[in-house]
Amino acid sequence: ITVLLEKYGLLVVFLNVLMDQGGLPLPAFPTLMAAAALAGRLDGRIAEIIGAGVLGSLIADIAWLWTGRRYGRRVLGLICRVSLSPDFCVRQTETLFGKIGPSALLVSKFVPGMTNITVVLAGVTRTSIPAFLLLDGIGALAFVSVPVVLGIVFKNAIADVLATLADLGKLGILAVLTALAFYVLIRWLQRYLFIRQLRMDRITADELAGLLEAGERPLLLDVRAKDVRLREGAIPGSLPAHPSELDPLISRYPRDMEIVVYCSCPNEASAATAARHLKRAGVKKIRPLLGGVIAWSEAGYQVEMFDDPHPVHETDG
């Protein structure tokens, strides 16, 4: 990293932040810290290092914003499928975005798994360009400045570490690559175990539509955030069921009633988590909707929109 920074200078900082914010598993923190620690040997001041990082971040985020505006929630589905942080997937980000709106851009870069989803949500919700640039610019400035300040404060220690790795030569490079590979492997393993733990029988959009057309009335539970449900609509007849509200809601229904739960994420992580909670509560027939409400909409089935902020549906049981 020392050689790259000394040879290409600010270009390395710019490209690393661009790729990091673009979604690649190439964390920019080490490069920013090293660049700040080596600022005296680079062709650039601290302000220029921060500027290069902020520029890379903004370009990547503008691309994600355009993608969200152009393709909508399908982009969220793609991110959710490849995310190494399923516990910080679509529903959690939607909850934060619903509470504070585009202001989530100020802090999302510091939370693993939320950066790109927050920017895409800003595109999906048609956040104005000036507001986006202001909030995302402040967030990018904070995100870049933190490792730069740390690099300045601990420049002697960082310089010693880099010198040691340089002395080790190929072994130093191998150590860095091994640490990066180990980090990615651990994150992937956590994701795999999480999804495997929640694996259970799914119901497809066509199967659910067939049940409803046949007159069967499974209890439909929508575990998305309330503002998302109001903004984007829901499957007709479904009930809002935030995970924290499941127990009092389920107490009104028999334990042998068939229940279908759904969320936004194609991995159905939130729905599967709710289903596991219901199973522990004694409910016997639980099926997450495969692909969530996105799959339901893409299959061409009706989505119900609400005017009342607290819609109530009558269901059998």
Protein backbone atom coordinates (compact mmCIF):
# COMPACT_ATOMS: atom_id res chain seq x y z
CA ILE A 1 0.00 0.00 0.00
CA THR A 2 2.95 2.29 0.62
CA VAL A 3 4.26 1.71 -2.90
CA LEU A 4 0.85 2.31 -4.46
CA LEU A 5 0.29 5.51 -2.49
CA GLU A 6 3.77 6.85 -3.25
CA LYS A 7 3.46 5.99 -6.94
CA TYR A 8 -0.12 7.02 -7.68
CA GLY A 9 -0.95 9.26 -4.71
CA LEU A 10 -4.49 10.59 -4.52
CA LEU A 11 -5.65 8.31 -7.37
CA VAL A 12 -5.34 5.31 -5.03
CA VAL A 13 -7.45 7.04 -2.39
CA PHE A 14 -10.08 8.03 -4.95
CA LEU A 15 -10.34 4.57 -6.55
CA ASN A 16 -10.39 2.70 -3.25
CA VAL A 17 -13.23 4.81 -1.82
CA LEU A 18 -15.07 4.59 -5.16
CA MET A 19 -14.90 0.78 -5.15
CA ASP A 20 -15.71 0.55 -1.44
CA GLN A 21 -18.84 2.69 -1.77
CA GLY A 22 -19.65 0.97 -5.04
CA GLY A 23 -20.19 -2.26 -3.14
CA LEU A 24 -16.90 -4.14 -3.53
CA PRO A 25 -15.38 -5.74 -0.39
CA LEU A 26 -12.33 -3.42 -0.48
CA PRO A 27 -12.52 -1.35 2.73
CA ALA A 28 -11.19 2.17 2.31
CA PHE A 29 -10.38 2.79 5.98
CA PRO A 30 -6.85 1.27 5.86
CA THR A 31 -5.93 3.22 2.71
CA LEU A 32 -7.23 6.51 4.14
CA MET A 33 -5.37 5.97 7.41
CA ALA A 34 -2.16 5.07 5.58
CA ALA A 35 -2.49 8.04 3.21
CA ALA A 36 -2.87 10.42 6.16
CA ALA A 37 0.06 8.84 8.01
CA LEU A 38 2.22 9.15 4.90
CA ALA A 39 0.94 12.60 3.89
CA GLY A 40 4.39 14.12 4.21
CA ARG A 41 5.73 11.70 1.58
CA LEU A 42 2.80 12.06 -0.81
CA ASP A 43 2.15 14.71 -3.41
CA GLY A 44 -0.91 16.08 -1.62
CA ARG A 45 -2.09 17.68 1.58
CA ILE A 46 -4.58 16.30 4.09
CA ALA A 47 -7.37 18.40 2.59
CA GLU A 48 -6.65 16.91 -0.84
CA ILE A 49 -6.74 13.36 0.57
CA ILE A 50 -10.14 14.06 2.12
CA GLY A 51 -11.32 15.69 -1.11
CA ALA A 52 -10.29 12.67 -3.20
CA GLY A 53 -12.12 10.33 -0.84
CA VAL A 54 -15.29 12.43 -0.76
CA LEU A 55 -15.29 12.68 -4.56
CA GLY A 56 -15.00 8.90 -4.93
CA SER A 57 -17.81 8.37 -2.44
CA LEU A 58 -20.14 10.88 -4.12
CA ILE A 59 -19.61 9.42 -7.60
CA ALA A 60 -20.42 5.90 -6.37
CA ASP A 61 -23.48 7.14 -4.47
CA ILE A 62 -24.81 9.15 -7.41
CA ALA A 63 -24.62 5.97 -9.49
CA TRP A 64 -26.60 4.07 -6.82
CA LEU A 65 -29.09 6.95 -6.59
CA TRP A 66 -29.71 6.86 -10.34
CA THR A 67 -30.06 3.07 -10.20
CA GLY A 68 -32.67 3.37 -7.44
CA ARG A 69 -34.62 5.98 -9.41
CA ARG A 70 -34.42 3.93 -12.61
CA TYR A 71 -35.09 0.40 -11.36
CA GLY A 72 -36.82 0.94 -8.01
CA ARG A 73 -37.11 -1.83 -5.46
CA ARG A 74 -35.64 -4.45 -7.78
CA VAL A 75 -32.23 -3.00 -6.93
CA LEU A 76 -32.93 -3.52 -3.22
CA GLY A 77 -33.69 -7.14 -4.00
CA LEU A 78 -30.34 -7.56 -5.74
CA ILE A 79 -28.44 -5.97 -2.86
CA CYS A 80 -30.25 -8.18 -0.38
CA ARG A 81 -29.33 -11.32 -2.32
CA VAL A 82 -25.61 -10.58 -2.34
CA SER A 83 -25.31 -8.80 1.03
CA LEU A 84 -22.83 -10.19 3.53
CA SER A 85 -24.88 -8.57 6.29
CA PRO A 86 -28.38 -10.12 6.09
CA ASP A 87 -29.25 -8.81 9.55
CA PHE A 88 -28.81 -5.27 8.20
CA CYS A 89 -30.79 -5.91 5.07
CA VAL A 90 -33.73 -4.08 3.57
CA ARG A 91 -36.16 -4.00 6.52
CA GLN A 92 -33.70 -2.57 9.04
CA THR A 93 -32.61 0.16 6.64
CA GLU A 94 -36.21 0.94 5.73
CA THR A 95 -37.03 1.30 9.42
CA LEU A 96 -34.25 3.85 9.93
CA PHE A 97 -35.10 5.65 6.69
CA GLY A 98 -38.75 5.75 7.73
CA LYS A 99 -37.89 7.35 11.07
CA ILE A 100 -35.48 10.06 9.95
CA GLY A 101 -35.89 10.13 6.16
CA PRO A 102 -32.95 11.11 3.92
CA SER A 103 -31.07 12.21 7.05
CA ALA A 104 -30.11 8.53 7.33
CA LEU A 105 -27.48 9.36 4.70
CA LEU A 106 -25.54 11.18 7.43
CA VAL A 107 -24.81 7.99 9.39
CA SER A 108 -25.42 5.02 7.08
CA LYS A 109 -21.80 4.77 5.89
CA PHE A 110 -20.72 3.84 9.40
CA VAL A 111 -23.15 0.87 9.62
CA PRO A 112 -22.13 -2.31 7.73
CA GLY A 113 -24.67 -3.35 5.11
CA MET A 114 -26.67 -0.11 5.14
CA THR A 115 -24.66 2.24 2.90
CA ASN A 116 -25.85 1.22 -0.55
CA ILE A 117 -29.40 0.36 0.57
CA THR A 118 -29.86 3.83 2.09
CA VAL A 119 -28.71 5.54 -1.10
CA VAL A 120 -30.97 3.34 -3.23
CA LEU A 121 -33.91 4.11 -0.92
CA ALA A 122 -33.20 7.81 -1.46
CA GLY A 123 -33.56 7.13 -5.18
CA VAL A 124 -36.68 5.00 -4.78
CA THR A 125 -38.36 7.71 -2.66
CA ARG A 126 -37.33 10.42 -5.14
CA THR A 127 -35.25 12.46 -2.71
CA SER A 128 -34.43 15.80 -4.35
CA ILE A 129 -30.95 16.05 -5.88
CA PRO A 130 -29.89 19.14 -3.85
CA ALA A 131 -31.00 17.52 -0.56
CA PHE A 132 -29.25 14.27 -1.49
CA LEU A 133 -25.99 15.98 -2.41
CA LEU A 134 -26.00 17.99 0.81
CA LEU A 135 -26.78 15.11 3.17
CA ASP A 136 -24.70 12.51 1.34
CA GLY A 137 -21.82 14.96 1.01
CA ILE A 138 -21.80 15.58 4.78
CA GLY A 139 -21.99 11.84 5.42
CA ALA A 140 -19.13 11.18 2.99
CA LEU A 141 -17.04 13.94 4.58
CA ALA A 142 -17.51 12.39 8.03
CA PHE A 143 -16.84 8.88 6.71
CA VAL A 144 -13.57 9.93 5.07
CA SER A 145 -12.42 12.28 7.81
CA VAL A 146 -12.54 9.74 10.64
CA PRO A 147 -9.80 7.41 9.29
CA VAL A 148 -7.78 10.41 8.11
CA VAL A 149 -7.80 11.89 11.62
CA LEU A 150 -6.86 8.48 13.05
CA GLY A 151 -4.04 8.26 10.52
CA ILE A 152 -2.71 11.64 11.64
CA VAL A 153 -2.96 10.81 15.34
CA PHE A 154 -1.34 7.37 15.00
CA LYS A 155 0.95 8.12 12.06
CA ASN A 156 4.07 6.85 13.82
CA ALA A 157 2.50 3.53 14.73
CA ILE A 158 1.01 3.14 11.24
CA ALA A 159 4.33 3.97 9.62
CA ASP A 160 6.01 1.29 11.76
CA VAL A 161 3.41 -1.32 10.74
CA LEU A 162 3.78 -0.45 7.05
CA ALA A 163 7.57 -0.56 7.34
CA THR A 164 7.41 -3.99 9.00
CA LEU A 165 5.11 -5.33 6.27
CA ALA A 166 7.41 -3.86 3.62
CA ASP A 167 10.41 -5.58 5.22
CA LEU A 168 8.55 -8.86 5.18
CA GLY A 169 8.07 -8.51 1.44
CA LYS A 170 5.93 -11.28 -0.01
CA LEU A 171 5.10 -12.57 3.46
CA GLY A 172 3.70 -9.15 4.35
CA ILE A 173 1.50 -9.12 1.25
CA LEU A 174 0.37 -12.66 2.02
CA ALA A 175 -0.50 -11.66 5.60
CA VAL A 176 -2.63 -8.74 4.40
CA LEU A 177 -4.41 -10.81 1.75
CA THR A 178 -4.99 -13.64 4.22
CA ALA A 179 -6.55 -11.22 6.72
CA LEU A 180 -8.84 -9.79 4.02
CA ALA A 181 -9.85 -13.25 2.79
CA PHE A 182 -10.50 -14.39 6.37
CA TYR A 183 -12.71 -11.34 6.97
CA VAL A 184 -14.79 -12.02 3.84
CA LEU A 185 -15.01 -15.73 4.69
CA ILE A 186 -16.29 -15.02 8.20
CA ARG A 187 -18.93 -12.61 6.90
CA TRP A 188 -20.04 -15.10 4.24
CA LEU A 189 -20.19 -17.92 6.78
CA GLN A 190 -22.33 -15.80 9.10
CA ARG A 191 -24.71 -15.09 6.22
CA TYR A 192 -24.85 -18.76 5.19
CA LEU A 193 -25.56 -19.99 8.70
CA PHE A 194 -28.20 -17.31 9.20
CA ILE A 195 -30.11 -18.21 6.04
CA ARG A 196 -29.73 -21.94 6.67
CA GLN A 197 -31.04 -21.54 10.21
CA LEU A 198 -34.16 -19.81 8.89
CA ARG A 199 -34.75 -22.25 6.03
CA MET A 200 -38.27 -23.64 5.99
CA ASP A 201 -41.10 -24.31 3.55
CA ARG A 202 -41.85 -21.28 1.43
CA ILE A 203 -45.03 -20.42 -0.44
CA THR A 204 -44.77 -18.82 -3.88
CA ALA A 205 -46.82 -15.84 -5.06
CA ASP A 206 -48.77 -18.10 -7.43
CA GLU A 207 -49.51 -20.61 -4.68
CA LEU A 208 -50.72 -17.86 -2.35
CA ALA A 209 -52.90 -16.36 -5.08
CA GLY A 210 -54.34 -19.81 -5.72
CA LEU A 211 -55.26 -20.22 -2.06
CA LEU A 212 -57.00 -16.85 -1.99
CA GLU A 213 -58.87 -17.54 -5.22
CA ALA A 214 -60.01 -20.90 -3.85
CA GLY A 215 -61.59 -19.12 -0.88
CA GLU A 216 -59.01 -20.21 1.67
CA ARG A 217 -58.07 -17.47 4.09
CA PRO A 218 -54.58 -17.89 5.59
CA LEU A 219 -53.58 -15.17 8.02
CA LEU A 220 -51.29 -12.80 6.10
CA LEU A 221 -48.73 -10.95 8.23
CA ASP A 222 -46.74 -8.03 6.82
CA VAL A 223 -43.55 -7.57 8.87
CA ARG A 224 -42.29 -4.49 7.02
CA ALA A 225 -41.99 -1.09 8.63
CA LYS A 226 -45.29 0.80 8.85
CA ASP A 227 -44.23 3.69 6.65
CA VAL A 228 -43.09 1.28 3.92
CA ARG A 229 -46.45 -0.49 4.05
CA LEU A 230 -48.32 2.81 3.73
CA ARG A 231 -46.06 4.13 0.99
CA GLU A 232 -45.86 1.02 -1.18
CA GLY A 233 -49.06 -0.84 -0.34
CA ALA A 234 -49.55 -4.40 0.83
CA ILE A 235 -51.04 -7.71 -0.21
CA PRO A 236 -54.84 -7.37 0.18
CA GLY A 237 -56.08 -8.70 3.50
CA SER A 238 -52.71 -8.67 5.23
CA LEU A 239 -52.18 -7.33 8.73
CA PRO A 240 -49.28 -5.12 9.87
CA ALA A 241 -47.17 -7.25 12.15
CA HIS A 242 -43.94 -5.70 13.31
CA PRO A 243 -41.84 -8.38 15.08
CA SER A 244 -42.33 -6.58 18.41
CA GLU A 245 -46.12 -6.78 17.97
CA LEU A 246 -46.41 -10.45 17.04
CA ASP A 247 -47.29 -11.85 20.47
CA PRO A 248 -50.44 -9.76 21.16
CA LEU A 249 -51.55 -10.16 17.55
CA ILE A 250 -51.20 -13.94 17.44
CA SER A 251 -53.01 -14.36 20.77
CA ARG A 252 -56.24 -13.51 18.93
CA TYR A 253 -55.95 -16.48 16.53
CA PRO A 254 -55.92 -20.28 16.93
CA ARG A 255 -52.50 -21.92 16.93
CA ASP A 256 -53.47 -24.33 14.12
CA MET A 257 -54.37 -21.55 11.68
CA GLU A 258 -52.23 -21.33 8.55
CA ILE A 259 -50.07 -18.19 8.56
CA VAL A 260 -48.14 -16.58 5.69
CA VAL A 261 -45.57 -13.93 6.55
CA TYR A 262 -43.81 -11.63 4.11
CA CYS A 263 -41.37 -8.71 3.95
CA SER A 264 -39.44 -6.84 1.26
CA CYS A 265 -36.21 -8.78 1.05
CA PRO A 266 -36.03 -11.62 -1.54
CA ASN A 267 -34.13 -13.68 1.03
CA GLU A 268 -37.20 -13.30 3.30
CA ALA A 269 -34.80 -12.84 6.23
CA SER A 270 -37.24 -10.70 8.25
CA ALA A 271 -40.20 -12.92 7.38
CA ALA A 272 -38.28 -16.06 8.26
CA THR A 273 -37.19 -14.54 11.58
CA ALA A 274 -40.83 -13.72 12.37
CA ALA A 275 -41.83 -17.24 11.32
CA ARG A 276 -39.28 -18.72 13.70
CA HIS A 277 -40.67 -16.54 16.50
CA LEU A 278 -44.21 -17.72 15.72
CA LYS A 279 -43.08 -21.35 15.70
CA ARG A 280 -41.63 -20.94 19.17
CA ALA A 281 -44.96 -19.45 20.26
CA GLY A 282 -46.71 -22.67 19.28
CA VAL A 283 -48.03 -21.80 15.82
CA LYS A 284 -47.95 -24.93 13.65
CA LYS A 285 -48.52 -23.83 10.05
CA ILE A 286 -46.15 -21.01 9.02
CA ARG A 287 -44.84 -20.25 5.54
CA PRO A 288 -42.77 -17.22 4.47
CA LEU A 289 -43.67 -15.81 1.05
CA LEU A 290 -40.91 -16.64 -1.43
CA GLY A 291 -39.43 -13.39 -2.74
CA GLY A 292 -41.59 -11.25 -0.45
CA VAL A 293 -43.94 -8.55 -1.65
CA ILE A 294 -41.57 -7.81 -4.55
CA ALA A 295 -42.26 -11.26 -6.02
CA TRP A 296 -46.00 -10.75 -5.47
CA SER A 297 -45.95 -7.46 -7.40
CA GLU A 298 -43.72 -8.77 -10.18
CA ALA A 299 -46.10 -11.70 -10.67
CA GLY A 300 -48.79 -9.15 -11.54
CA TYR A 301 -50.96 -9.51 -8.44
CA GLN A 302 -52.80 -6.61 -6.81
CA VAL A 303 -51.22 -4.47 -4.13
CA GLU A 304 -53.58 -2.60 -1.80
CA MET A 305 -52.88 1.06 -1.07
CA PHE A 306 -54.00 2.82 2.13
CA ASP A 307 -55.28 6.28 2.97
CA ASP A 308 -55.82 5.49 6.65
CA PRO A 309 -52.48 5.38 8.56
CA HIS A 310 -53.82 2.49 10.67
CA PRO A 311 -55.74 0.22 8.29
CA VAL A 312 -57.75 -2.63 9.79
CA HIS A 313 -58.75 -5.74 7.88
CA GLU A 314 -61.25 -8.36 8.91
CA THR A 315 -59.98 -11.89 8.62
CA ASP A 316 -61.43 -15.26 9.36
CA GLY A 317 -60.53 -16.83 12.68
